[in-house]
Every structure is written in C-alpha cells, then in structure tokens.
C-alpha atoms as a PDB file:
ATOM      1  CA  UNK A   1     106.714 110.648  78.320  1.00  0.00           C
ATOM      2  CA  UNK A   2     106.486 112.973  80.660  1.00  0.00           C
ATOM      3  CA  UNK A   3     103.562 115.374  81.643  1.00  0.00           C
ATOM      4  CA  UNK A   4     104.436 118.547  79.462  1.00  0.00           C
ATOM      5  CA  UNK A   5     101.475 119.875  81.781  1.00  0.00           C
ATOM      6  CA  UNK A   6     103.002 119.967  84.398  1.00  0.00           C
ATOM      7  CA  UNK A   7     103.835 123.019  86.867  1.00  0.00           C
ATOM      8  CA  UNK A   8     108.303 121.914  87.914  1.00  0.00           C
ATOM      9  CA  UNK A   9     108.993 121.762  91.591  1.00  0.00           C
ATOM     10  CA  UNK A  10     111.339 123.213  94.027  1.00  0.00           C
ATOM     11  CA  UNK A  11     112.654 122.007  97.345  1.00  0.00           C
ATOM     12  CA  UNK A  12     116.024 123.480  99.593  1.00  0.00           C
ATOM     13  CA  UNK A  13     117.301 120.286 101.110  1.00  0.00           C
ATOM     14  CA  UNK A  14     119.053 120.666 104.569  1.00  0.00           C
ATOM     15  CA  UNK A  15     121.248 116.828 105.454  1.00  0.00           C
ATOM     16  CA  UNK A  16     122.775 116.838 108.835  1.00  0.00           C
ATOM     17  CA  UNK A  17     125.148 114.144 110.073  1.00  0.00           C
ATOM     18  CA  UNK A  18     128.239 113.177 108.773  1.00  0.00           C
ATOM     19  CA  UNK A  19     127.657 114.583 104.922  1.00  0.00           C
ATOM     20  CA  UNK A  20     130.130 116.808 104.854  1.00  0.00           C
ATOM     21  CA  UNK A  21     134.322 115.048 104.000  1.00  0.00           C
ATOM     22  CA  UNK A  22     132.638 112.194 101.760  1.00  0.00           C
ATOM     23  CA  UNK A  23     131.577 112.994  98.820  1.00  0.00           C
ATOM     24  CA  UNK A  24     127.990 113.804  98.641  1.00  0.00           C
ATOM     25  CA  UNK A  25     128.366 117.867  97.340  1.00  0.00           C
ATOM     26  CA  UNK A  26     129.826 114.907  94.440  1.00  0.00           C
ATOM     27  CA  UNK A  27     127.308 112.985  94.894  1.00  0.00           C
ATOM     28  CA  UNK A  28     125.212 114.519  95.016  1.00  0.00           C
ATOM     29  CA  UNK A  29     125.746 116.745  92.013  1.00  0.00           C
ATOM     30  CA  UNK A  30     125.951 113.612  89.536  1.00  0.00           C
ATOM     31  CA  UNK A  31     121.751 112.258  90.443  1.00  0.00           C
ATOM     32  CA  UNK A  32     120.537 115.801  90.422  1.00  0.00           C
ATOM     33  CA  UNK A  33     122.461 115.520  86.668  1.00  0.00           C
ATOM     34  CA  UNK A  34     121.506 112.230  85.975  1.00  0.00           C
ATOM     35  CA  UNK A  35     117.544 112.783  87.700  1.00  0.00           C
ATOM     36  CA  UNK A  36     117.578 115.954  85.115  1.00  0.00           C
ATOM     37  CA  UNK A  37     117.127 118.667  87.909  1.00  0.00           C
ATOM     38  CA  UNK A  38     119.183 122.327  87.784  1.00  0.00           C
ATOM     39  CA  UNK A  39     120.777 124.331  91.370  1.00  0.00           C
ATOM     40  CA  UNK A  40     123.291 123.296  93.173  1.00  0.00           C
ATOM     41  CA  UNK A  41     124.579 122.202  96.498  1.00  0.00           C
ATOM     42  CA  UNK A  42     127.187 123.808  98.937  1.00  0.00           C
ATOM     43  CA  UNK A  43     128.293 122.781 102.284  1.00  0.00           C
ATOM     44  CA  UNK A  44     127.445 124.516 105.635  1.00  0.00           C
ATOM     45  CA  UNK A  45     129.904 126.480 108.159  1.00  0.00           C
ATOM     46  CA  UNK A  46     127.801 124.211 111.191  1.00  0.00           C
ATOM     47  CA  UNK A  47     128.381 120.468 108.984  1.00  0.00           C
ATOM     48  CA  UNK A  48     124.655 120.653 107.258  1.00  0.00           C
ATOM     49  CA  UNK A  49     124.971 120.559 103.592  1.00  0.00           C
ATOM     50  CA  UNK A  50     122.337 121.931 101.728  1.00  0.00           C
ATOM     51  CA  UNK A  51     120.774 121.767  98.060  1.00  0.00           C
ATOM     52  CA  UNK A  52     118.668 123.015  95.756  1.00  0.00           C
ATOM     53  CA  UNK A  53     117.158 121.068  93.522  1.00  0.00           C
ATOM     54  CA  UNK A  54     114.557 121.332  90.139  1.00  0.00           C
ATOM     55  CA  UNK A  55     112.471 119.415  88.270  1.00  0.00           C
ATOM     56  CA  UNK A  56     109.575 117.396  87.168  1.00  0.00           C
ATOM     57  CA  UNK A  57     107.775 116.234  90.890  1.00  0.00           C
ATOM     58  CA  UNK A  58     108.707 112.607  90.100  1.00  0.00           C
ATOM     59  CA  UNK A  59     112.572 113.386  89.731  1.00  0.00           C
ATOM     60  CA  UNK A  60     112.461 116.041  92.547  1.00  0.00           C
ATOM     61  CA  UNK A  61     110.964 113.569  95.182  1.00  0.00           C
ATOM     62  CA  UNK A  62     114.103 110.566  94.016  1.00  0.00           C
ATOM     63  CA  UNK A  63     116.593 112.882  94.585  1.00  0.00           C
ATOM     64  CA  UNK A  64     114.494 113.717  98.366  1.00  0.00           C
ATOM     65  CA  UNK A  65     114.621 110.431  98.514  1.00  0.00           C
ATOM     66  CA  UNK A  66     118.972 109.677  97.841  1.00  0.00           C
ATOM     67  CA  UNK A  67     119.235 112.646  99.772  1.00  0.00           C
ATOM     68  CA  UNK A  68     118.014 110.401 102.891  1.00  0.00           C
ATOM     69  CA  UNK A  69     121.180 108.038 102.297  1.00  0.00           C
ATOM     70  CA  UNK A  70     123.324 109.721 100.885  1.00  0.00           C
ATOM     71  CA  UNK A  71     126.650 108.484  99.063  1.00  0.00           C
ATOM     72  CA  UNK A  72     129.112 104.623 100.624  1.00  0.00           C
ATOM     73  CA  UNK A  73     130.518 106.717 103.350  1.00  0.00           C
ATOM     74  CA  UNK A  74     127.337 108.845 104.302  1.00  0.00           C
ATOM     75  CA  UNK A  75     125.759 109.672 108.092  1.00  0.00           C
ATOM     76  CA  UNK A  76     122.391 111.046 106.946  1.00  0.00           C
ATOM     77  CA  UNK A  77     120.458 111.652 110.773  1.00  0.00           C
ATOM     78  CA  UNK A  78     118.335 114.376 110.039  1.00  0.00           C
ATOM     79  CA  UNK A  79     116.652 115.242 106.378  1.00  0.00           C
ATOM     80  CA  UNK A  80     115.105 119.834 106.208  1.00  0.00           C
ATOM     81  CA  UNK A  81     112.986 120.275 103.233  1.00  0.00           C
ATOM     82  CA  UNK A  82     111.576 123.575 102.168  1.00  0.00           C
ATOM     83  CA  UNK A  83     109.643 124.007  99.228  1.00  0.00           C
ATOM     84  CA  UNK A  84     109.803 127.107  97.578  1.00  0.00           C
ATOM     85  CA  UNK A  85     107.759 128.294  93.751  1.00  0.00           C
ATOM     86  CA  UNK A  86     110.725 127.122  91.249  1.00  0.00           C
ATOM     87  CA  UNK A  87     112.064 129.340  88.970  1.00  0.00           C
ATOM     88  CA  UNK A  88     111.649 127.966  85.521  1.00  0.00           C
ATOM     89  CA  UNK A  89     114.667 127.430  84.989  1.00  0.00           C
ATOM     90  CA  UNK A  90     114.142 123.041  84.899  1.00  0.00           C
ATOM     91  CA  UNK A  91     113.221 121.387  80.954  1.00  0.00           C
ATOM     92  CA  UNK A  92     111.361 118.937  81.049  1.00  0.00           C
ATOM     93  CA  UNK A  93     111.912 115.480  79.856  1.00  0.00           C
ATOM     94  CA  UNK A  94     112.171 112.332  81.827  1.00  0.00           C
ATOM     95  CA  UNK A  95     113.720 111.602  84.819  1.00  0.00           C
ATOM     96  CA  UNK A  96     116.657 109.215  84.681  1.00  0.00           C
ATOM     97  CA  UNK A  97     117.837 109.513  81.421  1.00  0.00           C
ATOM     98  CA  UNK A  98     121.551 108.896  81.247  1.00  0.00           C
ATOM     99  CA  UNK A  99     123.650 112.572  80.687  1.00  0.00           C
ATOM    100  CA  UNK A 100     126.942 113.561  78.652  1.00  0.00           C
ATOM    101  CA  UNK A 101     127.771 117.001  79.661  1.00  0.00           C
ATOM    102  CA  UNK A 102     125.079 117.528  82.329  1.00  0.00           C
ATOM    103  CA  UNK A 103     123.008 117.646  78.981  1.00  0.00           C
ATOM    104  CA  UNK A 104     120.660 113.851  78.456  1.00  0.00           C
ATOM    105  CA  UNK A 105     121.332 112.249  75.787  1.00  0.00           C
ATOM    106  CA  UNK A 106     120.166 112.805  72.578  1.00  0.00           C
ATOM    107  CA  UNK A 107     117.887 116.434  73.520  1.00  0.00           C
ATOM    108  CA  UNK A 108     118.988 120.030  72.058  1.00  0.00           C
ATOM    109  CA  UNK A 109     120.456 122.762  73.201  1.00  0.00           C
ATOM    110  CA  UNK A 110     118.602 124.766  74.847  1.00  0.00           C
ATOM    111  CA  UNK A 111     118.623 128.011  75.704  1.00  0.00           C
ATOM    112  CA  UNK A 112     117.063 127.279  79.555  1.00  0.00           C
ATOM    113  CA  UNK A 113     119.552 124.873  79.765  1.00  0.00           C
ATOM    114  CA  UNK A 114     118.834 123.111  82.627  1.00  0.00           C
ATOM    115  CA  UNK A 115     122.553 123.132  85.147  1.00  0.00           C
ATOM    116  CA  UNK A 116     123.786 121.167  88.384  1.00  0.00           C
ATOM    117  CA  UNK A 117     126.298 123.189  89.997  1.00  0.00           C
ATOM    118  CA  UNK A 118     128.617 122.844  93.065  1.00  0.00           C
ATOM    119  CA  UNK A 119     129.423 125.616  95.679  1.00  0.00           C
ATOM    120  CA  UNK A 120     131.890 126.017  98.059  1.00  0.00           C
END
C-alpha cells in the first residue's frame, strides 16, 4: 500500500516530435488512468502535446517515463517538465491498479474523484 502521508506531485509536460495524429492523447489518457493519475492532455497549435499529471510521486515518474516513449507510431524528440504545486485533486491508492470507467477496481466512489480528460 502506498504511503498515505506523502503529498501528491503535479507536473506539466510538453512533448515535441511526431506526437499529433498518432493517438498520443488517447494513449496518454489511458496510461494516466492506469497509473491512477488525474489531469488532462491536449494538442497545441505548434504541434506539441501538453499534459498535466497529478498523483503519487512514483505514478508521476512512471507516466513521465512513458511519455518519453509514447505510443506506437509516435516519435518523441523532446520532453519539457514544469513541476507545479499540487491542487489536491488526486486520491491516494496504489499505482498500476487496473481501472473501470476511470476509477480503480474495488475502490469506493468519492466526492474528490480523480479524473483525466482529453482536451481539444
């Protein structure tokens, strides 16, 4: 079980390369849900993808590592990270927990539910 006393981590990620038109946003959303993160992802007009992830340090680090590779078909040339103050919209639970409908299996609903959205 994850240490409940550790504060959540929040990072804004800018991904450059061949990252639009290859399913990067949708794959990012799926991975973030898998790692139990909250946040969002969107395409930028300059061809980059921007994402914000919040959750446990371990889960955020795993997500950053995934972003460096991206999905099949993507070519990541640069990743820029900007750490921010956590907004507290994440709920602590073990990373890598399979999800159903964006919520961890077996976890009760909460008024502070995690969400991860794809933005346009």
